[in-house]
């Protein structure tokens, strides 16, 4: 049956809201996010459900690595949704464990309060995620890269790199992960932020230094637009992966806030990503309306996804 991104998104939106009912009002800290973040988590959910059967076919072990896991819940800036929450990447992956589990889940973040909060939420949701064997660690990105390298061998990896910014994602670290040929990468490329840094970059200043460390070279100097800077990064990743895809995530209208870059050596996984790209048809405005219906702010879901 052809994949219908609208029906799929309706089901997922309602399902995720129901699954976090136990923790929605727990009073613990949340991670920053917004309506457009939901699109990213939809794509993540879709890829996990498609990639895991491929991992299972070829590897004895397949690991989920979340380098910037957050607290498990995001909040929203809009006043109408200020008391609402949505699951972040660790919960999206954990909720998938019943049908599409990894051998083990490694959640890491550099903030202790963040890890402590996620731990409490996972414990409270243990009945929902009984098939999820996980380990939580306080680690920055560089230390997580070192940690992953010790598993090299014939193991599969699904590595989610979803930072708030980009400065800690130095190219030498990304390249180290890309050298693991059995690792699939799911990376949030902060297009809008990187383009803004590019506009402020001048010879010798901090913006130039951070971009040069991010790209590992100064090729970025030839580009000024966000889309071109993203394509340059894709080409660099493409030196290590057969298949590199990008999925734009729009803030509102035609404003791109970031791109999800997905890199894999698996042709089968590539077909999954091609299908996931259909989720771009579900506009941010539709998700906004749908969330307000599901949370009781509005009363007609159909018109928001039509």
C-alpha atoms as a PDB file:
ATOM      1  CA  UNK A   1       0.000   0.000   0.000  1.00  0.00           C
ATOM      2  CA  UNK A   2       1.398   3.455  -0.927  1.00  0.00           C
ATOM      3  CA  UNK A   3       2.590   5.576   1.985  1.00  0.00           C
ATOM      4  CA  UNK A   4       0.111   8.359   2.742  1.00  0.00           C
ATOM      5  CA  UNK A   5       2.028  11.004   4.743  1.00  0.00           C
ATOM      6  CA  UNK A   6      -1.168  12.737   5.885  1.00  0.00           C
ATOM      7  CA  UNK A   7      -2.878   9.679   7.390  1.00  0.00           C
ATOM      8  CA  UNK A   8       0.402   8.464   8.844  1.00  0.00           C
ATOM      9  CA  UNK A   9       1.051  11.841  10.486  1.00  0.00           C
ATOM     10  CA  UNK A  10      -2.451  11.989  11.973  1.00  0.00           C
ATOM     11  CA  UNK A  11      -2.017   8.574  13.567  1.00  0.00           C
ATOM     12  CA  UNK A  12       1.464   9.351  14.863  1.00  0.00           C
ATOM     13  CA  UNK A  13       0.508  12.742  16.273  1.00  0.00           C
ATOM     14  CA  UNK A  14      -2.387  11.304  18.272  1.00  0.00           C
ATOM     15  CA  UNK A  15      -0.374   8.259  19.323  1.00  0.00           C
ATOM     16  CA  UNK A  16       2.603  10.205  20.637  1.00  0.00           C
ATOM     17  CA  UNK A  17       0.419  12.592  22.634  1.00  0.00           C
ATOM     18  CA  UNK A  18      -1.320   9.635  24.290  1.00  0.00           C
ATOM     19  CA  UNK A  19       1.963   7.908  25.103  1.00  0.00           C
ATOM     20  CA  UNK A  20       3.354  10.863  27.050  1.00  0.00           C
ATOM     21  CA  UNK A  21       0.197  11.380  29.121  1.00  0.00           C
ATOM     22  CA  UNK A  22       1.905   9.988  32.265  1.00  0.00           C
ATOM     23  CA  UNK A  23       4.772  12.474  32.101  1.00  0.00           C
ATOM     24  CA  UNK A  24       3.317  15.500  30.354  1.00  0.00           C
ATOM     25  CA  UNK A  25       2.691  17.392  33.597  1.00  0.00           C
ATOM     26  CA  UNK A  26       5.542  15.979  35.695  1.00  0.00           C
ATOM     27  CA  UNK A  27       6.947  19.439  36.413  1.00  0.00           C
ATOM     28  CA  UNK A  28      10.449  18.465  35.296  1.00  0.00           C
ATOM     29  CA  UNK A  29      12.559  20.468  32.876  1.00  0.00           C
ATOM     30  CA  UNK A  30      11.958  20.211  29.136  1.00  0.00           C
ATOM     31  CA  UNK A  31      14.140  20.652  26.074  1.00  0.00           C
ATOM     32  CA  UNK A  32      13.704  23.533  23.629  1.00  0.00           C
ATOM     33  CA  UNK A  33      11.659  22.849  20.530  1.00  0.00           C
ATOM     34  CA  UNK A  34       8.766  24.101  18.470  1.00  0.00           C
ATOM     35  CA  UNK A  35       6.077  22.939  16.055  1.00  0.00           C
ATOM     36  CA  UNK A  36       8.559  22.269  13.272  1.00  0.00           C
ATOM     37  CA  UNK A  37      10.523  19.972  15.607  1.00  0.00           C
ATOM     38  CA  UNK A  38       7.649  17.490  15.316  1.00  0.00           C
ATOM     39  CA  UNK A  39       8.470  16.982  11.621  1.00  0.00           C
ATOM     40  CA  UNK A  40      12.004  15.982  12.583  1.00  0.00           C
ATOM     41  CA  UNK A  41      10.701  13.430  15.073  1.00  0.00           C
ATOM     42  CA  UNK A  42       8.229  12.083  12.516  1.00  0.00           C
ATOM     43  CA  UNK A  43      11.125  11.485  10.106  1.00  0.00           C
ATOM     44  CA  UNK A  44      13.165   9.865  12.890  1.00  0.00           C
ATOM     45  CA  UNK A  45      10.290   7.540  13.791  1.00  0.00           C
ATOM     46  CA  UNK A  46       9.761   6.574  10.153  1.00  0.00           C
ATOM     47  CA  UNK A  47      13.454   5.851   9.600  1.00  0.00           C
ATOM     48  CA  UNK A  48      13.798   3.752  12.745  1.00  0.00           C
ATOM     49  CA  UNK A  49      10.874   1.539  11.755  1.00  0.00           C
ATOM     50  CA  UNK A  50      12.410   1.025   8.307  1.00  0.00           C
ATOM     51  CA  UNK A  51      16.080   0.743   9.232  1.00  0.00           C
ATOM     52  CA  UNK A  52      15.797  -1.743  12.109  1.00  0.00           C
ATOM     53  CA  UNK A  53      14.626  -4.694   9.932  1.00  0.00           C
ATOM     54  CA  UNK A  54      17.665  -4.049   7.720  1.00  0.00           C
ATOM     55  CA  UNK A  55      20.023  -3.979  10.706  1.00  0.00           C
ATOM     56  CA  UNK A  56      18.441  -7.160  12.034  1.00  0.00           C
ATOM     57  CA  UNK A  57      19.108  -8.915   8.749  1.00  0.00           C
ATOM     58  CA  UNK A  58      22.823  -8.140   8.564  1.00  0.00           C
ATOM     59  CA  UNK A  59      24.191  -7.585  12.085  1.00  0.00           C
ATOM     60  CA  UNK A  60      24.457  -9.515  15.317  1.00  0.00           C
ATOM     61  CA  UNK A  61      24.152  -6.229  17.236  1.00  0.00           C
ATOM     62  CA  UNK A  62      22.716  -2.895  16.187  1.00  0.00           C
ATOM     63  CA  UNK A  63      22.986   0.100  18.455  1.00  0.00           C
ATOM     64  CA  UNK A  64      21.035   3.333  18.770  1.00  0.00           C
ATOM     65  CA  UNK A  65      23.308   6.261  19.701  1.00  0.00           C
ATOM     66  CA  UNK A  66      21.740   9.605  20.674  1.00  0.00           C
ATOM     67  CA  UNK A  67      24.513  12.180  21.123  1.00  0.00           C
ATOM     68  CA  UNK A  68      22.341  15.092  22.321  1.00  0.00           C
ATOM     69  CA  UNK A  69      19.389  13.234  23.785  1.00  0.00           C
ATOM     70  CA  UNK A  70      17.740  16.024  25.783  1.00  0.00           C
ATOM     71  CA  UNK A  71      15.169  15.507  28.516  1.00  0.00           C
ATOM     72  CA  UNK A  72      12.746  13.343  26.534  1.00  0.00           C
ATOM     73  CA  UNK A  73      10.130  16.087  26.127  1.00  0.00           C
ATOM     74  CA  UNK A  74      10.140  19.321  24.156  1.00  0.00           C
ATOM     75  CA  UNK A  75       8.001  22.364  24.862  1.00  0.00           C
ATOM     76  CA  UNK A  76       6.558  25.034  22.566  1.00  0.00           C
ATOM     77  CA  UNK A  77       7.023  28.766  22.346  1.00  0.00           C
ATOM     78  CA  UNK A  78       3.513  29.569  21.146  1.00  0.00           C
ATOM     79  CA  UNK A  79       1.247  30.857  23.929  1.00  0.00           C
ATOM     80  CA  UNK A  80      -1.658  28.575  22.956  1.00  0.00           C
ATOM     81  CA  UNK A  81       0.628  25.539  23.323  1.00  0.00           C
ATOM     82  CA  UNK A  82       2.769  26.654  26.255  1.00  0.00           C
ATOM     83  CA  UNK A  83       1.545  23.828  28.505  1.00  0.00           C
ATOM     84  CA  UNK A  84       1.790  21.122  25.848  1.00  0.00           C
ATOM     85  CA  UNK A  85       4.658  18.695  25.306  1.00  0.00           C
ATOM     86  CA  UNK A  86       5.909  16.301  22.620  1.00  0.00           C
ATOM     87  CA  UNK A  87       8.377  13.392  22.854  1.00  0.00           C
ATOM     88  CA  UNK A  88      11.968  14.092  21.868  1.00  0.00           C
ATOM     89  CA  UNK A  89      14.352  11.707  20.131  1.00  0.00           C
ATOM     90  CA  UNK A  90      15.022   9.310  23.068  1.00  0.00           C
ATOM     91  CA  UNK A  91      11.321   8.675  23.624  1.00  0.00           C
ATOM     92  CA  UNK A  92      10.577   8.415  19.903  1.00  0.00           C
ATOM     93  CA  UNK A  93      13.173   5.643  19.689  1.00  0.00           C
ATOM     94  CA  UNK A  94      12.098   3.984  22.947  1.00  0.00           C
ATOM     95  CA  UNK A  95       8.425   3.909  21.940  1.00  0.00           C
ATOM     96  CA  UNK A  96       9.524   2.066  18.796  1.00  0.00           C
ATOM     97  CA  UNK A  97      11.263  -0.672  20.784  1.00  0.00           C
ATOM     98  CA  UNK A  98       8.280  -3.011  21.003  1.00  0.00           C
ATOM     99  CA  UNK A  99       8.243  -3.598  17.240  1.00  0.00           C
ATOM    100  CA  UNK A 100      11.621  -2.238  16.117  1.00  0.00           C
ATOM    101  CA  UNK A 101      14.118  -2.512  18.933  1.00  0.00           C
ATOM    102  CA  UNK A 102      17.863  -1.982  18.916  1.00  0.00           C
ATOM    103  CA  UNK A 103      20.251  -4.269  20.789  1.00  0.00           C
ATOM    104  CA  UNK A 104      20.875  -1.371  23.136  1.00  0.00           C
ATOM    105  CA  UNK A 105      20.124   2.344  23.355  1.00  0.00           C
ATOM    106  CA  UNK A 106      22.813   4.803  24.403  1.00  0.00           C
ATOM    107  CA  UNK A 107      21.486   8.217  25.426  1.00  0.00           C
ATOM    108  CA  UNK A 108      24.028  10.910  26.209  1.00  0.00           C
ATOM    109  CA  UNK A 109      24.018  14.624  26.930  1.00  0.00           C
ATOM    110  CA  UNK A 110      26.560  16.945  28.490  1.00  0.00           C
ATOM    111  CA  UNK A 111      24.139  18.302  31.122  1.00  0.00           C
ATOM    112  CA  UNK A 112      23.588  16.290  34.317  1.00  0.00           C
ATOM    113  CA  UNK A 113      20.110  17.779  34.932  1.00  0.00           C
ATOM    114  CA  UNK A 114      19.091  16.701  31.449  1.00  0.00           C
ATOM    115  CA  UNK A 115      20.205  13.103  31.962  1.00  0.00           C
ATOM    116  CA  UNK A 116      18.652  12.937  35.435  1.00  0.00           C
ATOM    117  CA  UNK A 117      15.336  14.150  34.015  1.00  0.00           C
ATOM    118  CA  UNK A 118      15.373  11.685  31.127  1.00  0.00           C
ATOM    119  CA  UNK A 119      16.143   8.856  33.544  1.00  0.00           C
ATOM    120  CA  UNK A 120      13.068   9.688  35.634  1.00  0.00           C
ATOM    121  CA  UNK A 121      10.851   9.829  32.570  1.00  0.00           C
ATOM    122  CA  UNK A 122      12.095   6.541  31.170  1.00  0.00           C
ATOM    123  CA  UNK A 123      11.501   4.869  34.531  1.00  0.00           C
ATOM    124  CA  UNK A 124       7.969   6.224  34.689  1.00  0.00           C
ATOM    125  CA  UNK A 125       7.310   4.919  31.165  1.00  0.00           C
ATOM    126  CA  UNK A 126       8.847   1.478  31.753  1.00  0.00           C
ATOM    127  CA  UNK A 127       5.619  -0.317  30.856  1.00  0.00           C
ATOM    128  CA  UNK A 128       5.541   1.479  27.499  1.00  0.00           C
ATOM    129  CA  UNK A 129       9.204   0.742  26.691  1.00  0.00           C
ATOM    130  CA  UNK A 130       9.779  -2.684  28.229  1.00  0.00           C
ATOM    131  CA  UNK A 131      11.799  -3.847  25.198  1.00  0.00           C
ATOM    132  CA  UNK A 132      14.222  -0.912  25.408  1.00  0.00           C
ATOM    133  CA  UNK A 133      17.560  -1.778  27.036  1.00  0.00           C
ATOM    134  CA  UNK A 134      19.247   1.568  27.596  1.00  0.00           C
ATOM    135  CA  UNK A 135      22.220   3.299  29.176  1.00  0.00           C
ATOM    136  CA  UNK A 136      22.347   6.994  30.060  1.00  0.00           C
ATOM    137  CA  UNK A 137      25.594   8.962  30.299  1.00  0.00           C
ATOM    138  CA  UNK A 138      26.721  12.516  30.935  1.00  0.00           C
ATOM    139  CA  UNK A 139      29.018  13.076  27.953  1.00  0.00           C
ATOM    140  CA  UNK A 140      29.749  15.795  25.437  1.00  0.00           C
ATOM    141  CA  UNK A 141      29.855  15.049  21.717  1.00  0.00           C
ATOM    142  CA  UNK A 142      33.601  14.417  21.552  1.00  0.00           C
ATOM    143  CA  UNK A 143      33.469  11.856  24.347  1.00  0.00           C
ATOM    144  CA  UNK A 144      30.471  10.125  22.761  1.00  0.00           C
ATOM    145  CA  UNK A 145      32.451   9.781  19.542  1.00  0.00           C
ATOM    146  CA  UNK A 146      35.279   8.131  21.505  1.00  0.00           C
ATOM    147  CA  UNK A 147      32.745   5.843  23.179  1.00  0.00           C
ATOM    148  CA  UNK A 148      31.208   4.706  19.875  1.00  0.00           C
ATOM    149  CA  UNK A 149      34.590   3.956  18.328  1.00  0.00           C
ATOM    150  CA  UNK A 150      35.186   1.156  20.838  1.00  0.00           C
ATOM    151  CA  UNK A 151      32.286  -0.789  19.292  1.00  0.00           C
ATOM    152  CA  UNK A 152      33.809  -0.811  15.817  1.00  0.00           C
ATOM    153  CA  UNK A 153      33.601  -4.170  14.161  1.00  0.00           C
ATOM    154  CA  UNK A 154      30.671  -5.939  12.589  1.00  0.00           C
ATOM    155  CA  UNK A 155      28.016  -4.001  14.486  1.00  0.00           C
ATOM    156  CA  UNK A 156      25.360  -1.715  13.043  1.00  0.00           C
ATOM    157  CA  UNK A 157      24.809   1.807  14.327  1.00  0.00           C
ATOM    158  CA  UNK A 158      22.052   4.370  13.996  1.00  0.00           C
ATOM    159  CA  UNK A 159      23.596   7.620  15.243  1.00  0.00           C
ATOM    160  CA  UNK A 160      21.305  10.572  15.940  1.00  0.00           C
ATOM    161  CA  UNK A 161      23.126  13.914  16.145  1.00  0.00           C
ATOM    162  CA  UNK A 162      20.583  16.571  17.042  1.00  0.00           C
ATOM    163  CA  UNK A 163      22.404  19.543  18.603  1.00  0.00           C
ATOM    164  CA  UNK A 164      20.891  22.900  19.515  1.00  0.00           C
ATOM    165  CA  UNK A 165      23.700  24.658  17.631  1.00  0.00           C
ATOM    166  CA  UNK A 166      26.629  23.346  15.635  1.00  0.00           C
ATOM    167  CA  UNK A 167      29.897  24.489  17.212  1.00  0.00           C
ATOM    168  CA  UNK A 168      30.649  21.232  19.028  1.00  0.00           C
ATOM    169  CA  UNK A 169      30.168  19.234  15.794  1.00  0.00           C
ATOM    170  CA  UNK A 170      33.709  19.678  14.574  1.00  0.00           C
ATOM    171  CA  UNK A 171      34.430  17.973  11.269  1.00  0.00           C
ATOM    172  CA  UNK A 172      37.210  15.811  12.712  1.00  0.00           C
ATOM    173  CA  UNK A 173      34.628  14.278  15.076  1.00  0.00           C
ATOM    174  CA  UNK A 174      31.979  13.805  12.398  1.00  0.00           C
ATOM    175  CA  UNK A 175      34.599  12.279  10.123  1.00  0.00           C
ATOM    176  CA  UNK A 176      35.553   9.841  12.879  1.00  0.00           C
ATOM    177  CA  UNK A 177      31.953   8.579  12.980  1.00  0.00           C
ATOM    178  CA  UNK A 178      31.712   8.455   9.193  1.00  0.00           C
ATOM    179  CA  UNK A 179      34.745   6.197   9.076  1.00  0.00           C
ATOM    180  CA  UNK A 180      32.599   3.556  10.787  1.00  0.00           C
ATOM    181  CA  UNK A 181      31.215   2.089   7.570  1.00  0.00           C
ATOM    182  CA  UNK A 182      28.312   0.330   9.294  1.00  0.00           C
ATOM    183  CA  UNK A 183      27.024   3.533  10.920  1.00  0.00           C
ATOM    184  CA  UNK A 184      23.991   5.354   9.563  1.00  0.00           C
ATOM    185  CA  UNK A 185      23.929   9.042  10.454  1.00  0.00           C
ATOM    186  CA  UNK A 186      20.828  11.137  11.218  1.00  0.00           C
ATOM    187  CA  UNK A 187      22.071  14.726  11.563  1.00  0.00           C
ATOM    188  CA  UNK A 188      20.237  17.991  12.127  1.00  0.00           C
ATOM    189  CA  UNK A 189      22.062  20.539   9.975  1.00  0.00           C
ATOM    190  CA  UNK A 190      21.205  23.939  11.477  1.00  0.00           C
ATOM    191  CA  UNK A 191      20.785  25.703   8.139  1.00  0.00           C
ATOM    192  CA  UNK A 192      19.403  29.007   9.387  1.00  0.00           C
ATOM    193  CA  UNK A 193      21.935  29.330  12.208  1.00  0.00           C
ATOM    194  CA  UNK A 194      24.893  28.394   9.995  1.00  0.00           C
ATOM    195  CA  UNK A 195      23.813  30.873   7.301  1.00  0.00           C
ATOM    196  CA  UNK A 196      23.593  33.606   9.936  1.00  0.00           C
ATOM    197  CA  UNK A 197      27.097  32.762  11.139  1.00  0.00           C
ATOM    198  CA  UNK A 198      28.297  32.880   7.535  1.00  0.00           C
ATOM    199  CA  UNK A 199      26.923  36.414   7.117  1.00  0.00           C
ATOM    200  CA  UNK A 200      28.897  37.527  10.185  1.00  0.00           C
ATOM    201  CA  UNK A 201      32.115  35.679   9.355  1.00  0.00           C
ATOM    202  CA  UNK A 202      35.149  37.846   8.734  1.00  0.00           C
ATOM    203  CA  UNK A 203      38.836  37.078   8.569  1.00  0.00           C
ATOM    204  CA  UNK A 204      40.048  36.055  12.027  1.00  0.00           C
ATOM    205  CA  UNK A 205      36.792  36.442  13.973  1.00  0.00           C
ATOM    206  CA  UNK A 206      34.965  33.807  16.049  1.00  0.00           C
ATOM    207  CA  UNK A 207      32.357  33.130  13.325  1.00  0.00           C
ATOM    208  CA  UNK A 208      35.069  32.253  10.814  1.00  0.00           C
ATOM    209  CA  UNK A 209      36.813  30.008  13.331  1.00  0.00           C
ATOM    210  CA  UNK A 210      33.651  28.063  14.256  1.00  0.00           C
ATOM    211  CA  UNK A 211      32.682  27.491  10.608  1.00  0.00           C
ATOM    212  CA  UNK A 212      36.180  26.340   9.685  1.00  0.00           C
ATOM    213  CA  UNK A 213      36.162  23.818  12.545  1.00  0.00           C
ATOM    214  CA  UNK A 214      32.673  22.674  11.551  1.00  0.00           C
ATOM    215  CA  UNK A 215      33.645  22.044   7.910  1.00  0.00           C
ATOM    216  CA  UNK A 216      37.267  21.115   8.582  1.00  0.00           C
ATOM    217  CA  UNK A 217      38.339  23.463   5.790  1.00  0.00           C
ATOM    218  CA  UNK A 218      37.597  26.893   4.325  1.00  0.00           C
ATOM    219  CA  UNK A 219      35.545  25.814   1.323  1.00  0.00           C
ATOM    220  CA  UNK A 220      32.502  27.402   3.003  1.00  0.00           C
ATOM    221  CA  UNK A 221      33.940  30.843   2.172  1.00  0.00           C
ATOM    222  CA  UNK A 222      32.733  30.376  -1.426  1.00  0.00           C
ATOM    223  CA  UNK A 223      29.084  30.168  -0.298  1.00  0.00           C
ATOM    224  CA  UNK A 224      26.693  32.579   1.385  1.00  0.00           C
ATOM    225  CA  UNK A 225      23.257  30.929   1.168  1.00  0.00           C
ATOM    226  CA  UNK A 226      22.071  28.346   3.668  1.00  0.00           C
ATOM    227  CA  UNK A 227      21.072  25.800   1.017  1.00  0.00           C
ATOM    228  CA  UNK A 228      24.531  25.996  -0.595  1.00  0.00           C
ATOM    229  CA  UNK A 229      26.278  25.623   2.747  1.00  0.00           C
ATOM    230  CA  UNK A 230      24.138  22.549   3.432  1.00  0.00           C
ATOM    231  CA  UNK A 231      24.931  21.050   0.022  1.00  0.00           C
ATOM    232  CA  UNK A 232      28.648  21.550   0.665  1.00  0.00           C
ATOM    233  CA  UNK A 233      28.359  19.600   3.910  1.00  0.00           C
ATOM    234  CA  UNK A 234      26.420  16.852   2.137  1.00  0.00           C
ATOM    235  CA  UNK A 235      29.172  16.531  -0.436  1.00  0.00           C
ATOM    236  CA  UNK A 236      31.737  16.125   2.314  1.00  0.00           C
ATOM    237  CA  UNK A 237      29.661  13.393   3.933  1.00  0.00           C
ATOM    238  CA  UNK A 238      29.267  11.843   0.486  1.00  0.00           C
ATOM    239  CA  UNK A 239      32.985  11.108   0.428  1.00  0.00           C
ATOM    240  CA  UNK A 240      32.245   8.472   3.091  1.00  0.00           C
ATOM    241  CA  UNK A 241      28.708   7.297   2.257  1.00  0.00           C
ATOM    242  CA  UNK A 242      27.065   5.930  -0.887  1.00  0.00           C
ATOM    243  CA  UNK A 243      23.732   7.552  -0.109  1.00  0.00           C
ATOM    244  CA  UNK A 244      23.279  11.017   1.406  1.00  0.00           C
ATOM    245  CA  UNK A 245      19.862  12.639   1.606  1.00  0.00           C
ATOM    246  CA  UNK A 246      18.474  15.869   2.976  1.00  0.00           C
ATOM    247  CA  UNK A 247      14.960  16.579   4.171  1.00  0.00           C
ATOM    248  CA  UNK A 248      14.125  20.271   4.717  1.00  0.00           C
ATOM    249  CA  UNK A 249      12.191  21.308   7.812  1.00  0.00           C
ATOM    250  CA  UNK A 250      10.260  24.548   7.404  1.00  0.00           C
ATOM    251  CA  UNK A 251       9.531  26.952  10.200  1.00  0.00           C
ATOM    252  CA  UNK A 252       6.523  28.591   8.564  1.00  0.00           C
ATOM    253  CA  UNK A 253       5.738  29.047   4.891  1.00  0.00           C
ATOM    254  CA  UNK A 254       8.956  28.797   2.877  1.00  0.00           C
ATOM    255  CA  UNK A 255      11.368  29.580   5.731  1.00  0.00           C
ATOM    256  CA  UNK A 256      13.728  26.621   6.206  1.00  0.00           C
ATOM    257  CA  UNK A 257      15.001  26.355   9.763  1.00  0.00           C
ATOM    258  CA  UNK A 258      17.166  23.248   9.287  1.00  0.00           C
ATOM    259  CA  UNK A 259      17.762  20.189   7.118  1.00  0.00           C
ATOM    260  CA  UNK A 260      17.844  16.604   8.311  1.00  0.00           C
ATOM    261  CA  UNK A 261      20.830  14.950   6.642  1.00  0.00           C
ATOM    262  CA  UNK A 262      20.659  11.154   6.538  1.00  0.00           C
ATOM    263  CA  UNK A 263      23.690   9.194   5.374  1.00  0.00           C
ATOM    264  CA  UNK A 264      23.890   5.437   4.809  1.00  0.00           C
ATOM    265  CA  UNK A 265      25.782   2.812   2.824  1.00  0.00           C
ATOM    266  CA  UNK A 266      22.624   0.701   2.571  1.00  0.00           C
ATOM    267  CA  UNK A 267      20.558   0.973  -0.599  1.00  0.00           C
ATOM    268  CA  UNK A 268      17.602  -0.495   1.277  1.00  0.00           C
ATOM    269  CA  UNK A 269      17.838   2.206   3.939  1.00  0.00           C
ATOM    270  CA  UNK A 270      18.106   4.733   1.142  1.00  0.00           C
ATOM    271  CA  UNK A 271      14.720   3.640  -0.186  1.00  0.00           C
ATOM    272  CA  UNK A 272      13.272   4.189   3.296  1.00  0.00           C
ATOM    273  CA  UNK A 273      14.593   7.750   3.334  1.00  0.00           C
ATOM    274  CA  UNK A 274      13.187   8.411  -0.128  1.00  0.00           C
ATOM    275  CA  UNK A 275       9.784   7.420   1.213  1.00  0.00           C
ATOM    276  CA  UNK A 276      10.271   9.515   4.368  1.00  0.00           C
ATOM    277  CA  UNK A 277      10.819  12.564   2.167  1.00  0.00           C
ATOM    278  CA  UNK A 278       7.087  12.481   1.434  1.00  0.00           C
ATOM    279  CA  UNK A 279       6.578  13.851   4.940  1.00  0.00           C
ATOM    280  CA  UNK A 280       7.594  17.256   3.577  1.00  0.00           C
ATOM    281  CA  UNK A 281       4.083  17.344   2.093  1.00  0.00           C
ATOM    282  CA  UNK A 282       2.748  17.707   5.647  1.00  0.00           C
ATOM    283  CA  UNK A 283       3.322  21.413   6.225  1.00  0.00           C
ATOM    284  CA  UNK A 284       4.295  22.903   9.567  1.00  0.00           C
ATOM    285  CA  UNK A 285       0.990  24.768   9.590  1.00  0.00           C
ATOM    286  CA  UNK A 286      -0.857  21.440   9.291  1.00  0.00           C
ATOM    287  CA  UNK A 287       1.070  19.971  12.214  1.00  0.00           C
ATOM    288  CA  UNK A 288       0.343  23.085  14.261  1.00  0.00           C
ATOM    289  CA  UNK A 289      -3.387  22.766  13.611  1.00  0.00           C
ATOM    290  CA  UNK A 290      -3.337  19.019  14.191  1.00  0.00           C
ATOM    291  CA  UNK A 291      -1.583  19.347  17.542  1.00  0.00           C
ATOM    292  CA  UNK A 292      -4.122  21.921  18.677  1.00  0.00           C
ATOM    293  CA  UNK A 293      -6.960  19.559  17.776  1.00  0.00           C
ATOM    294  CA  UNK A 294      -5.368  16.561  19.526  1.00  0.00           C
ATOM    295  CA  UNK A 295      -4.745  18.626  22.675  1.00  0.00           C
ATOM    296  CA  UNK A 296      -8.274  20.037  22.704  1.00  0.00           C
ATOM    297  CA  UNK A 297      -7.505  23.561  21.531  1.00  0.00           C
ATOM    298  CA  UNK A 298      -9.525  23.101  18.313  1.00  0.00           C
ATOM    299  CA  UNK A 299     -12.182  20.663  17.188  1.00  0.00           C
ATOM    300  CA  UNK A 300     -11.634  19.525  13.581  1.00  0.00           C
ATOM    301  CA  UNK A 301      -8.534  17.487  12.739  1.00  0.00           C
ATOM    302  CA  UNK A 302      -9.536  16.628   9.162  1.00  0.00           C
ATOM    303  CA  UNK A 303      -9.401  20.175   7.813  1.00  0.00           C
ATOM    304  CA  UNK A 304      -5.913  20.699   9.147  1.00  0.00           C
ATOM    305  CA  UNK A 305      -4.556  17.664   7.285  1.00  0.00           C
ATOM    306  CA  UNK A 306      -6.557  17.997   4.094  1.00  0.00           C
END
